[in-house]
Amino acid sequence: MAVILYLRQERQRRGWSLTYVTRMTGISPGDISLIERGLRTPFPRWQAELARAFGMPARRLFRASSPGTPLTRTRKGSRHG
C-alpha cells in the first residue's frame, strides 16, 4: 500500500541533504528520492534505518494523507487517493 510520505518534509526541515541521509542509513540517494516521491515502497529494514536516523517512529515518517485514505496506483506513473 502506497502512502504519502513526510520523509522529504522532515529531511528538509532539518537541512539534511540526500547524501547526508545516505551516509546515515546506507540507502542510496536515488532510492531515498524515489521513497520521498512515493514511487518506491521502502523495505521494512529501510523504514527502520530511516526512523533511526531521524530519531522518530517510522509511523511518523510514513503516513497516509488522512486516516484510511492511502494513495493507490492505478497504472504506471499515476496515483489517486
C-alpha atoms as a PDB file:
ATOM      1  CA  MET A   1       0.000   0.000   0.000  1.00  0.00           C
ATOM      2  CA  ALA A   2       1.443   3.363  -1.031  1.00  0.00           C
ATOM      3  CA  VAL A   3       1.178   6.321   1.321  1.00  0.00           C
ATOM      4  CA  ILE A   4       2.073   9.986   1.135  1.00  0.00           C
ATOM      5  CA  LEU A   5       5.483  10.277   2.737  1.00  0.00           C
ATOM      6  CA  TYR A   6       6.617  13.054   5.021  1.00  0.00           C
ATOM      7  CA  LEU A   7      10.244  11.974   4.884  1.00  0.00           C
ATOM      8  CA  ARG A   8      11.262  14.766   2.479  1.00  0.00           C
ATOM      9  CA  GLN A   9       9.495  17.409   4.564  1.00  0.00           C
ATOM     10  CA  GLU A  10      11.293  16.272   7.713  1.00  0.00           C
ATOM     11  CA  ARG A  11      14.646  15.979   5.933  1.00  0.00           C
ATOM     12  CA  GLN A  12      14.350  19.488   4.509  1.00  0.00           C
ATOM     13  CA  ARG A  13      13.171  20.892   7.845  1.00  0.00           C
ATOM     14  CA  ARG A  14      16.414  19.617   9.363  1.00  0.00           C
ATOM     15  CA  GLY A  15      18.508  20.931   6.472  1.00  0.00           C
ATOM     16  CA  TRP A  16      19.765  17.438   5.572  1.00  0.00           C
ATOM     17  CA  SER A  17      20.858  16.569   2.043  1.00  0.00           C
ATOM     18  CA  LEU A  18      20.125  13.242   0.365  1.00  0.00           C
ATOM     19  CA  THR A  19      23.851  12.497   0.636  1.00  0.00           C
ATOM     20  CA  TYR A  20      23.783  13.067   4.396  1.00  0.00           C
ATOM     21  CA  VAL A  21      20.816  10.707   4.844  1.00  0.00           C
ATOM     22  CA  THR A  22      22.603   8.156   2.651  1.00  0.00           C
ATOM     23  CA  ARG A  23      25.651   8.260   4.926  1.00  0.00           C
ATOM     24  CA  MET A  24      23.409   7.763   7.976  1.00  0.00           C
ATOM     25  CA  THR A  25      21.330   4.914   6.541  1.00  0.00           C
ATOM     26  CA  GLY A  26      23.235   3.215   3.721  1.00  0.00           C
ATOM     27  CA  ILE A  27      20.267   3.765   1.388  1.00  0.00           C
ATOM     28  CA  SER A  28      21.245   5.253  -1.984  1.00  0.00           C
ATOM     29  CA  PRO A  29      20.240   8.864  -2.741  1.00  0.00           C
ATOM     30  CA  GLY A  30      18.233   7.635  -5.728  1.00  0.00           C
ATOM     31  CA  ASP A  31      16.237   5.224  -3.588  1.00  0.00           C
ATOM     32  CA  ILE A  32      15.624   7.892  -0.939  1.00  0.00           C
ATOM     33  CA  SER A  33      14.372  10.259  -3.635  1.00  0.00           C
ATOM     34  CA  LEU A  34      12.019   7.588  -5.013  1.00  0.00           C
ATOM     35  CA  ILE A  35      10.717   6.876  -1.500  1.00  0.00           C
ATOM     36  CA  GLU A  36      10.164  10.593  -0.844  1.00  0.00           C
ATOM     37  CA  ARG A  37       8.166  10.931  -4.072  1.00  0.00           C
ATOM     38  CA  GLY A  38       6.067   7.856  -3.324  1.00  0.00           C
ATOM     39  CA  LEU A  39       7.490   5.976  -6.304  1.00  0.00           C
ATOM     40  CA  ARG A  40       9.093   3.250  -4.218  1.00  0.00           C
ATOM     41  CA  THR A  41       7.839   1.488  -1.122  1.00  0.00           C
ATOM     42  CA  PRO A  42      10.638   1.250   1.431  1.00  0.00           C
ATOM     43  CA  PHE A  43      11.568  -2.201   2.682  1.00  0.00           C
ATOM     44  CA  PRO A  44      10.893  -2.695   6.408  1.00  0.00           C
ATOM     45  CA  ARG A  45      14.654  -2.608   7.014  1.00  0.00           C
ATOM     46  CA  TRP A  46      14.869   0.765   5.245  1.00  0.00           C
ATOM     47  CA  GLN A  47      11.948   2.086   7.269  1.00  0.00           C
ATOM     48  CA  ALA A  48      13.786   1.090  10.441  1.00  0.00           C
ATOM     49  CA  GLU A  49      17.049   2.692   9.248  1.00  0.00           C
ATOM     50  CA  LEU A  50      15.316   5.931   8.303  1.00  0.00           C
ATOM     51  CA  ALA A  51      13.391   6.046  11.578  1.00  0.00           C
ATOM     52  CA  ARG A  52      16.635   5.500  13.500  1.00  0.00           C
ATOM     53  CA  ALA A  53      18.417   8.241  11.543  1.00  0.00           C
ATOM     54  CA  PHE A  54      15.596  10.710  12.165  1.00  0.00           C
ATOM     55  CA  GLY A  55      15.127   9.619  15.778  1.00  0.00           C
ATOM     56  CA  MET A  56      11.399   9.070  15.431  1.00  0.00           C
ATOM     57  CA  PRO A  57       8.966   6.196  14.914  1.00  0.00           C
ATOM     58  CA  ALA A  58       8.577   5.030  11.318  1.00  0.00           C
ATOM     59  CA  ARG A  59       4.852   5.744  11.502  1.00  0.00           C
ATOM     60  CA  ARG A  60       5.649   9.478  11.732  1.00  0.00           C
ATOM     61  CA  LEU A  61       7.772   9.397   8.571  1.00  0.00           C
ATOM     62  CA  PHE A  62       5.432   7.148   6.587  1.00  0.00           C
ATOM     63  CA  ARG A  63       1.772   8.042   6.982  1.00  0.00           C
ATOM     64  CA  ALA A  64      -1.344   8.495   4.877  1.00  0.00           C
ATOM     65  CA  SER A  65      -2.604  11.961   3.982  1.00  0.00           C
ATOM     66  CA  SER A  66      -5.711  11.309   6.063  1.00  0.00           C
ATOM     67  CA  PRO A  67      -6.695   8.305   8.154  1.00  0.00           C
ATOM     68  CA  GLY A  68      -7.893   5.439   5.988  1.00  0.00           C
ATOM     69  CA  THR A  69      -7.086   7.190   2.704  1.00  0.00           C
ATOM     70  CA  PRO A  70      -3.890   5.731   1.278  1.00  0.00           C
ATOM     71  CA  LEU A  71      -2.779   6.558  -2.236  1.00  0.00           C
ATOM     72  CA  THR A  72      -3.099   3.675  -4.650  1.00  0.00           C
ATOM     73  CA  ARG A  73      -1.513   3.111  -8.030  1.00  0.00           C
ATOM     74  CA  THR A  74      -3.931   2.830 -10.912  1.00  0.00           C
ATOM     75  CA  ARG A  75      -1.294   2.410 -13.629  1.00  0.00           C
ATOM     76  CA  LYS A  76       2.380   3.162 -14.007  1.00  0.00           C
ATOM     77  CA  GLY A  77       3.080   6.757 -13.071  1.00  0.00           C
ATOM     78  CA  SER A  78      -0.402   7.733 -11.894  1.00  0.00           C
ATOM     79  CA  ARG A  79      -1.779   7.846  -8.397  1.00  0.00           C
ATOM     80  CA  HIS A  80      -5.031   8.733  -6.762  1.00  0.00           C
ATOM     81  CA  GLY A  81      -6.257   8.892  -3.216  1.00  0.00           C
END
